[in-house]
N, C-alpha and C. Protein backbone atom coordinates (compact mmCIF):
# COMPACT_ATOMS: atom_id res chain seq x y z
N MET A 1 91.34 87.07 77.28
CA MET A 1 92.45 85.53 78.44
C MET A 1 93.38 87.82 78.58
N PRO A 2 93.47 87.35 80.01
CA PRO A 2 94.70 88.31 80.83
C PRO A 2 95.73 88.40 80.11
N ALA A 3 96.21 89.78 80.01
CA ALA A 3 97.94 89.90 78.92
C ALA A 3 99.00 89.13 79.67
N VAL A 4 99.73 88.77 78.75
CA VAL A 4 100.72 88.18 78.63
C VAL A 4 101.59 88.58 79.39
N GLY A 5 101.87 87.93 80.69
CA GLY A 5 103.32 88.88 81.51
C GLY A 5 102.21 89.47 82.28
N ARG A 6 101.59 89.33 82.86
CA ARG A 6 100.94 90.70 83.82
C ARG A 6 100.99 89.12 84.94
N PRO A 7 100.92 89.58 86.33
CA PRO A 7 100.56 89.02 87.08
C PRO A 7 99.21 88.33 87.59
N THR A 8 98.49 88.10 86.62
CA THR A 8 97.13 87.74 86.28
C THR A 8 96.93 86.69 84.99
N ALA A 9 98.22 86.62 84.26
CA ALA A 9 97.78 85.62 83.39
C ALA A 9 98.10 84.46 83.86
N ASP A 10 97.72 84.67 85.17
CA ASP A 10 98.01 83.24 85.64
C ASP A 10 97.13 83.08 86.48
N LEU A 11 96.42 81.33 86.21
CA LEU A 11 95.57 80.87 86.45
C LEU A 11 95.62 80.41 87.89
N ALA A 12 96.75 80.19 88.08
CA ALA A 12 96.17 79.56 89.70
C ALA A 12 96.54 81.19 90.42
N ALA A 13 96.49 82.41 89.99
CA ALA A 13 97.08 83.39 90.75
C ALA A 13 96.10 84.34 91.43
N ARG A 14 95.21 84.12 89.94
CA ARG A 14 93.69 84.51 89.83
C ARG A 14 92.96 83.64 90.78
N LYS A 15 93.06 82.19 90.96
CA LYS A 15 92.44 81.67 91.72
C LYS A 15 92.56 82.34 93.09
N ALA A 16 94.10 82.80 93.23
CA ALA A 16 94.58 82.94 94.60
C ALA A 16 93.52 84.09 95.16
N LEU A 17 93.60 84.53 94.62
CA LEU A 17 93.23 86.56 95.05
C LEU A 17 91.56 86.60 94.97
N VAL A 18 90.91 85.03 94.29
CA VAL A 18 89.54 85.57 94.11
C VAL A 18 89.19 84.65 95.27
N SER A 19 90.51 83.44 96.20
CA SER A 19 89.85 82.44 97.37
C SER A 19 89.71 83.44 98.53
N VAL A 20 90.51 84.72 98.59
CA VAL A 20 90.97 85.52 99.89
C VAL A 20 89.69 86.47 99.73
N LEU A 21 88.85 86.39 98.97
CA LEU A 21 87.90 87.78 99.04
C LEU A 21 86.63 87.42 99.68
N ASP A 22 86.15 88.39 101.09
CA ASP A 22 85.09 88.05 101.64
C ASP A 22 83.71 88.72 101.24
N LEU A 23 83.59 88.23 100.93
CA LEU A 23 82.53 87.94 98.89
C LEU A 23 80.82 89.12 100.39
N ARG A 24 81.25 88.11 101.73
CA ARG A 24 79.57 88.46 102.16
C ARG A 24 80.10 90.85 102.58
N GLN A 25 81.61 90.91 102.76
CA GLN A 25 82.23 92.50 103.41
C GLN A 25 81.80 93.24 101.92
N LEU A 26 81.94 92.90 100.60
CA LEU A 26 82.07 92.92 99.49
C LEU A 26 80.43 93.37 98.94
N GLY A 27 79.72 92.59 99.54
CA GLY A 27 78.57 92.72 98.75
C GLY A 27 77.97 93.85 100.20
N ASN A 28 78.54 94.26 101.40
CA ASN A 28 78.12 95.72 102.20
C ASN A 28 79.04 96.52 101.65
N VAL A 29 80.05 96.91 101.00
CA VAL A 29 80.39 97.94 100.44
C VAL A 29 79.52 98.20 99.42
N ALA A 30 79.72 97.64 98.91
CA ALA A 30 79.25 97.88 97.30
C ALA A 30 77.10 98.16 97.30
N THR A 31 76.45 97.30 98.37
CA THR A 31 75.19 98.29 98.29
C THR A 31 74.98 98.87 100.07
N GLY A 32 76.12 99.73 99.80
CA GLY A 32 76.04 100.57 101.46
C GLY A 32 75.13 99.38 102.54
N GLY A 33 75.05 98.43 102.69
CA GLY A 33 74.34 97.39 104.17
C GLY A 33 72.98 97.37 103.73
N LYS A 34 72.90 97.92 102.74
CA LYS A 34 71.82 97.77 101.74
C LYS A 34 71.18 96.16 101.42
N GLY A 35 72.61 95.43 100.31
CA GLY A 35 71.76 94.61 99.57
C GLY A 35 71.90 92.71 100.31
N ARG A 36 71.05 91.95 99.15
CA ARG A 36 71.14 90.83 100.23
C ARG A 36 71.68 89.59 98.94
N PRO A 37 71.66 88.18 99.40
CA PRO A 37 72.79 87.75 97.77
C PRO A 37 71.68 87.52 97.18
N ALA A 38 72.38 87.16 95.72
CA ALA A 38 71.23 86.83 94.40
C ALA A 38 71.59 85.02 95.42
N THR A 39 69.76 84.58 95.56
CA THR A 39 68.98 83.58 95.65
C THR A 39 68.96 83.13 94.31
N ARG A 40 69.19 83.61 93.52
CA ARG A 40 69.09 83.23 91.60
C ARG A 40 70.04 83.99 90.23
N ILE A 41 70.06 83.46 89.59
CA ILE A 41 70.69 84.34 88.24
C ILE A 41 69.71 84.05 87.10
N GLY A 42 69.43 85.15 86.75
CA GLY A 42 68.30 85.38 85.52
C GLY A 42 67.31 86.48 85.63
N GLU A 43 66.67 86.81 84.73
CA GLU A 43 65.78 87.71 85.31
C GLU A 43 64.29 87.65 84.85
N ILE A 44 63.35 88.08 85.82
CA ILE A 44 62.27 87.27 85.61
C ILE A 44 61.19 87.65 84.27
N ALA A 45 60.47 86.33 84.37
CA ALA A 45 60.02 86.17 82.71
C ALA A 45 59.31 87.72 82.53
N PRO A 46 59.38 88.27 81.30
CA PRO A 46 57.66 89.25 80.63
C PRO A 46 56.83 89.38 81.39
N ALA A 47 56.02 90.38 82.05
CA ALA A 47 54.51 89.65 81.95
C ALA A 47 53.76 89.41 80.32
N ARG A 48 52.79 89.85 80.20
CA ARG A 48 51.85 89.79 78.31
C ARG A 48 51.24 90.96 79.12
N TRP A 49 51.31 91.23 77.56
CA TRP A 49 50.54 92.84 77.81
C TRP A 49 49.24 92.36 77.79
N PRO A 50 47.84 93.22 77.57
CA PRO A 50 46.54 92.53 77.99
C PRO A 50 46.13 92.36 76.24
N ARG A 51 44.87 91.76 76.07
CA ARG A 51 44.91 92.10 74.96
C ARG A 51 43.82 92.57 74.67
């Protein structure tokens, strides 16, 4: 939970801040322009060891 008295303690303020983000540009900056949007969440199932 955000700290009481801080600007981001207000849920409406947090939603407003997130709503103006350009997620495509943020992703480009974070990955040096080499990333791409995720298509799913999670991890790949582990491979079984040969017996």
